[in-house]
Amino acid sequence: MKKDMEYRRFDNTVILRLDPDEEICEQLMKVAVRERIRLASISGLGAVKELTTGVFDTVTKEYHANDFQGAFEIVSLTGTITQKDGEAYLHAHLSAGDAKGNVFGGHLNRAVVSATAEIILQVFPGQVGRKFSEKIGLNLFEF
């Protein structure tokens, strides 16, 4: 049986370590549910071997996914955890660089850790929801 990521919570800060073969989005959602996080910001770095990022086309209102495989360093992992329909909602972006310094990124759909990922969640008191905007085509903050 594979163990889950390890983390510690210090008041309103959660420090996570993900290990090889763990998927970042899946593990962030698990900790959000376990810790009953309703609003948080995400910051992280590490290394991944597979990632899928997307770019939203504002004209067609569709995401275009890009898949990458290989050795990548996470240059930036940033995002939010909010609520949509009473459930945790993850919105994250990831940029990752290859051995030649080329950086790829966008909206994070999936990323599999190769070595480790170090992620910090800053938890805020209160809640911000999400509501789908027909005009924009995305789930926007709802205050």
C-alpha atoms as a PDB file:
ATOM      1  CA  MET A   1       0.000   0.000   0.000  1.00  0.00           C
ATOM      2  CA  LYS A   2       1.373   3.393  -1.014  1.00  0.00           C
ATOM      3  CA  LYS A   3       1.487   6.017   1.698  1.00  0.00           C
ATOM      4  CA  ASP A   4       0.112   9.521   1.195  1.00  0.00           C
ATOM      5  CA  MET A   5       2.127  12.699   1.258  1.00  0.00           C
ATOM      6  CA  GLU A   6       3.451  13.823   4.605  1.00  0.00           C
ATOM      7  CA  TYR A   7       2.495  17.163   6.061  1.00  0.00           C
ATOM      8  CA  ARG A   8       2.366  19.190   9.235  1.00  0.00           C
ATOM      9  CA  ARG A   9       0.021  21.982  10.165  1.00  0.00           C
ATOM     10  CA  PHE A  10       1.243  24.953  12.177  1.00  0.00           C
ATOM     11  CA  ASP A  11      -1.748  27.176  12.997  1.00  0.00           C
ATOM     12  CA  ASN A  12      -2.728  28.600   9.588  1.00  0.00           C
ATOM     13  CA  THR A  13       0.169  27.141   7.614  1.00  0.00           C
ATOM     14  CA  VAL A  14       0.384  23.635   6.175  1.00  0.00           C
ATOM     15  CA  ILE A  15       3.770  22.328   5.024  1.00  0.00           C
ATOM     16  CA  LEU A  16       3.620  19.326   2.648  1.00  0.00           C
ATOM     17  CA  ARG A  17       6.233  16.995   1.230  1.00  0.00           C
ATOM     18  CA  LEU A  18       5.259  14.889  -1.754  1.00  0.00           C
ATOM     19  CA  ASP A  19       7.338  11.877  -2.741  1.00  0.00           C
ATOM     20  CA  PRO A  20       8.052  10.180  -6.083  1.00  0.00           C
ATOM     21  CA  ASP A  21       4.987   9.084  -8.074  1.00  0.00           C
ATOM     22  CA  GLU A  22       2.535  11.183  -6.055  1.00  0.00           C
ATOM     23  CA  GLU A  23       0.263  13.416  -8.140  1.00  0.00           C
ATOM     24  CA  ILE A  24       0.203  17.029  -6.944  1.00  0.00           C
ATOM     25  CA  CYS A  25      -3.483  17.928  -7.553  1.00  0.00           C
ATOM     26  CA  GLU A  26      -4.717  14.711  -5.973  1.00  0.00           C
ATOM     27  CA  GLN A  27      -2.614  15.209  -2.849  1.00  0.00           C
ATOM     28  CA  LEU A  28      -3.579  18.881  -2.486  1.00  0.00           C
ATOM     29  CA  MET A  29      -7.253  17.926  -2.617  1.00  0.00           C
ATOM     30  CA  LYS A  30      -6.704  15.197   0.000  1.00  0.00           C
ATOM     31  CA  VAL A  31      -5.090  17.584   2.460  1.00  0.00           C
ATOM     32  CA  ALA A  32      -7.752  20.244   1.788  1.00  0.00           C
ATOM     33  CA  VAL A  33     -10.485  17.758   2.723  1.00  0.00           C
ATOM     34  CA  ARG A  34      -8.625  16.287   5.733  1.00  0.00           C
ATOM     35  CA  GLU A  35      -7.797  19.711   7.159  1.00  0.00           C
ATOM     36  CA  ARG A  36     -11.189  21.215   6.247  1.00  0.00           C
ATOM     37  CA  ILE A  37      -9.501  24.007   4.311  1.00  0.00           C
ATOM     38  CA  ARG A  38     -12.031  26.429   2.880  1.00  0.00           C
ATOM     39  CA  LEU A  39      -9.613  29.118   1.679  1.00  0.00           C
ATOM     40  CA  ALA A  40      -5.852  28.940   1.119  1.00  0.00           C
ATOM     41  CA  SER A  41      -3.064  30.099  -1.125  1.00  0.00           C
ATOM     42  CA  ILE A  42      -0.566  27.609  -2.573  1.00  0.00           C
ATOM     43  CA  SER A  43       3.154  27.990  -3.163  1.00  0.00           C
ATOM     44  CA  GLY A  44       5.570  25.251  -4.112  1.00  0.00           C
ATOM     45  CA  LEU A  45       8.613  23.886  -5.860  1.00  0.00           C
ATOM     46  CA  GLY A  46      10.184  20.518  -6.578  1.00  0.00           C
ATOM     47  CA  ALA A  47      10.641  18.147  -9.491  1.00  0.00           C
ATOM     48  CA  VAL A  48       8.164  16.366 -11.743  1.00  0.00           C
ATOM     49  CA  LYS A  49       8.407  13.735 -14.475  1.00  0.00           C
ATOM     50  CA  GLU A  50       4.966  14.138 -16.049  1.00  0.00           C
ATOM     51  CA  LEU A  51       2.783  17.201 -16.262  1.00  0.00           C
ATOM     52  CA  THR A  52      -0.313  18.357 -18.066  1.00  0.00           C
ATOM     53  CA  THR A  53      -1.005  22.061 -18.202  1.00  0.00           C
ATOM     54  CA  GLY A  54      -3.701  23.965 -20.013  1.00  0.00           C
ATOM     55  CA  VAL A  55      -4.279  27.327 -21.583  1.00  0.00           C
ATOM     56  CA  PHE A  56      -7.786  28.802 -21.633  1.00  0.00           C
ATOM     57  CA  ASP A  57      -8.938  30.158 -24.983  1.00  0.00           C
ATOM     58  CA  THR A  58     -11.156  33.134 -24.152  1.00  0.00           C
ATOM     59  CA  VAL A  59     -12.812  33.039 -27.589  1.00  0.00           C
ATOM     60  CA  THR A  60     -13.839  29.356 -27.667  1.00  0.00           C
ATOM     61  CA  LYS A  61     -14.027  29.134 -23.843  1.00  0.00           C
ATOM     62  CA  GLU A  62     -12.072  25.874 -23.914  1.00  0.00           C
ATOM     63  CA  TYR A  63      -8.867  24.656 -22.325  1.00  0.00           C
ATOM     64  CA  HIS A  64      -6.144  23.346 -24.589  1.00  0.00           C
ATOM     65  CA  ALA A  65      -4.032  20.757 -22.768  1.00  0.00           C
ATOM     66  CA  ASN A  66      -0.302  20.231 -23.218  1.00  0.00           C
ATOM     67  CA  ASP A  67       1.363  17.034 -21.969  1.00  0.00           C
ATOM     68  CA  PHE A  68       5.039  16.870 -21.051  1.00  0.00           C
ATOM     69  CA  GLN A  69       7.228  13.968 -19.937  1.00  0.00           C
ATOM     70  CA  GLY A  70      10.852  14.033 -18.827  1.00  0.00           C
ATOM     71  CA  ALA A  71      12.959  15.649 -16.116  1.00  0.00           C
ATOM     72  CA  PHE A  72      11.490  18.986 -15.008  1.00  0.00           C
ATOM     73  CA  GLU A  73      12.161  21.340 -12.103  1.00  0.00           C
ATOM     74  CA  ILE A  74       9.130  23.211 -10.809  1.00  0.00           C
ATOM     75  CA  VAL A  75       9.935  26.876 -11.312  1.00  0.00           C
ATOM     76  CA  SER A  76       6.660  27.987  -9.772  1.00  0.00           C
ATOM     77  CA  LEU A  77       3.594  26.327  -8.305  1.00  0.00           C
ATOM     78  CA  THR A  78       0.973  28.823  -7.250  1.00  0.00           C
ATOM     79  CA  GLY A  79      -2.768  28.801  -6.742  1.00  0.00           C
ATOM     80  CA  THR A  80      -5.771  28.811  -4.462  1.00  0.00           C
ATOM     81  CA  ILE A  81      -8.054  26.434  -2.661  1.00  0.00           C
ATOM     82  CA  THR A  82     -11.616  27.729  -2.399  1.00  0.00           C
ATOM     83  CA  GLN A  83     -15.084  26.158  -2.287  1.00  0.00           C
ATOM     84  CA  LYS A  84     -17.541  25.276  -5.044  1.00  0.00           C
ATOM     85  CA  ASP A  85     -20.895  23.733  -4.197  1.00  0.00           C
ATOM     86  CA  GLY A  86     -19.646  22.983  -0.670  1.00  0.00           C
ATOM     87  CA  GLU A  87     -16.571  21.057  -1.861  1.00  0.00           C
ATOM     88  CA  ALA A  88     -12.881  21.943  -1.982  1.00  0.00           C
ATOM     89  CA  TYR A  89     -11.952  23.544  -5.318  1.00  0.00           C
ATOM     90  CA  LEU A  90      -8.360  23.680  -6.536  1.00  0.00           C
ATOM     91  CA  HIS A  91      -7.118  26.306  -8.993  1.00  0.00           C
ATOM     92  CA  ALA A  92      -3.367  26.056  -9.582  1.00  0.00           C
ATOM     93  CA  HIS A  93      -0.785  27.022 -12.168  1.00  0.00           C
ATOM     94  CA  LEU A  94       2.588  25.358 -12.627  1.00  0.00           C
ATOM     95  CA  SER A  95       5.700  26.332 -14.568  1.00  0.00           C
ATOM     96  CA  ALA A  96       8.463  23.750 -14.998  1.00  0.00           C
ATOM     97  CA  GLY A  97      11.867  23.941 -16.654  1.00  0.00           C
ATOM     98  CA  ASP A  98      13.742  21.249 -18.542  1.00  0.00           C
ATOM     99  CA  ALA A  99      17.502  20.512 -18.646  1.00  0.00           C
ATOM    100  CA  LYS A 100      18.053  23.213 -21.283  1.00  0.00           C
ATOM    101  CA  GLY A 101      16.217  25.894 -19.338  1.00  0.00           C
ATOM    102  CA  ASN A 102      13.051  25.831 -21.445  1.00  0.00           C
ATOM    103  CA  VAL A 103      10.030  26.532 -19.265  1.00  0.00           C
ATOM    104  CA  PHE A 104       6.539  25.178 -19.914  1.00  0.00           C
ATOM    105  CA  GLY A 105       3.425  25.822 -17.913  1.00  0.00           C
ATOM    106  CA  GLY A 106      -0.124  26.962 -17.502  1.00  0.00           C
ATOM    107  CA  HIS A 107      -3.214  25.865 -15.621  1.00  0.00           C
ATOM    108  CA  LEU A 108      -2.251  22.721 -13.706  1.00  0.00           C
ATOM    109  CA  ASN A 109      -4.258  19.647 -14.655  1.00  0.00           C
ATOM    110  CA  ARG A 110      -1.837  16.970 -13.483  1.00  0.00           C
ATOM    111  CA  ALA A 111       1.785  16.657 -12.309  1.00  0.00           C
ATOM    112  CA  VAL A 112       3.579  13.521 -11.098  1.00  0.00           C
ATOM    113  CA  VAL A 113       6.496  14.042  -8.714  1.00  0.00           C
ATOM    114  CA  SER A 114       9.867  12.598  -9.733  1.00  0.00           C
ATOM    115  CA  ALA A 115      12.007  13.427  -6.680  1.00  0.00           C
ATOM    116  CA  THR A 116      10.074  15.590  -4.217  1.00  0.00           C
ATOM    117  CA  ALA A 117       7.727  18.541  -4.023  1.00  0.00           C
ATOM    118  CA  GLU A 118       7.695  21.045  -1.184  1.00  0.00           C
ATOM    119  CA  ILE A 119       4.393  22.879  -0.935  1.00  0.00           C
ATOM    120  CA  ILE A 120       3.147  25.480   1.521  1.00  0.00           C
ATOM    121  CA  LEU A 121      -0.532  26.246   2.035  1.00  0.00           C
ATOM    122  CA  GLN A 122      -1.359  29.518   3.760  1.00  0.00           C
ATOM    123  CA  VAL A 123      -4.827  28.988   5.226  1.00  0.00           C
ATOM    124  CA  PHE A 124      -7.097  31.985   5.710  1.00  0.00           C
ATOM    125  CA  PRO A 125     -10.064  32.260   8.078  1.00  0.00           C
ATOM    126  CA  GLY A 126     -13.340  32.424   6.226  1.00  0.00           C
ATOM    127  CA  GLN A 127     -14.446  31.176   2.864  1.00  0.00           C
ATOM    128  CA  VAL A 128     -14.569  32.274  -0.762  1.00  0.00           C
ATOM    129  CA  GLY A 129     -16.780  30.357  -3.140  1.00  0.00           C
ATOM    130  CA  ARG A 130     -16.757  29.763  -6.889  1.00  0.00           C
ATOM    131  CA  LYS A 131     -19.524  30.381  -9.384  1.00  0.00           C
ATOM    132  CA  PHE A 132     -19.523  29.668 -13.097  1.00  0.00           C
ATOM    133  CA  SER A 133     -19.589  32.799 -15.272  1.00  0.00           C
ATOM    134  CA  GLU A 134     -21.354  32.285 -18.594  1.00  0.00           C
ATOM    135  CA  LYS A 135     -19.754  35.474 -19.902  1.00  0.00           C
ATOM    136  CA  ILE A 136     -16.173  34.418 -19.078  1.00  0.00           C
ATOM    137  CA  GLY A 137     -16.581  30.650 -19.231  1.00  0.00           C
ATOM    138  CA  LEU A 138     -14.775  29.968 -15.933  1.00  0.00           C
ATOM    139  CA  ASN A 139     -15.548  29.375 -12.258  1.00  0.00           C
ATOM    140  CA  LEU A 140     -14.813  32.800 -10.742  1.00  0.00           C
ATOM    141  CA  PHE A 141     -14.443  33.890  -7.108  1.00  0.00           C
ATOM    142  CA  GLU A 142     -17.824  34.457  -5.492  1.00  0.00           C
ATOM    143  CA  PHE A 143     -17.812  36.741  -2.453  1.00  0.00           C
END
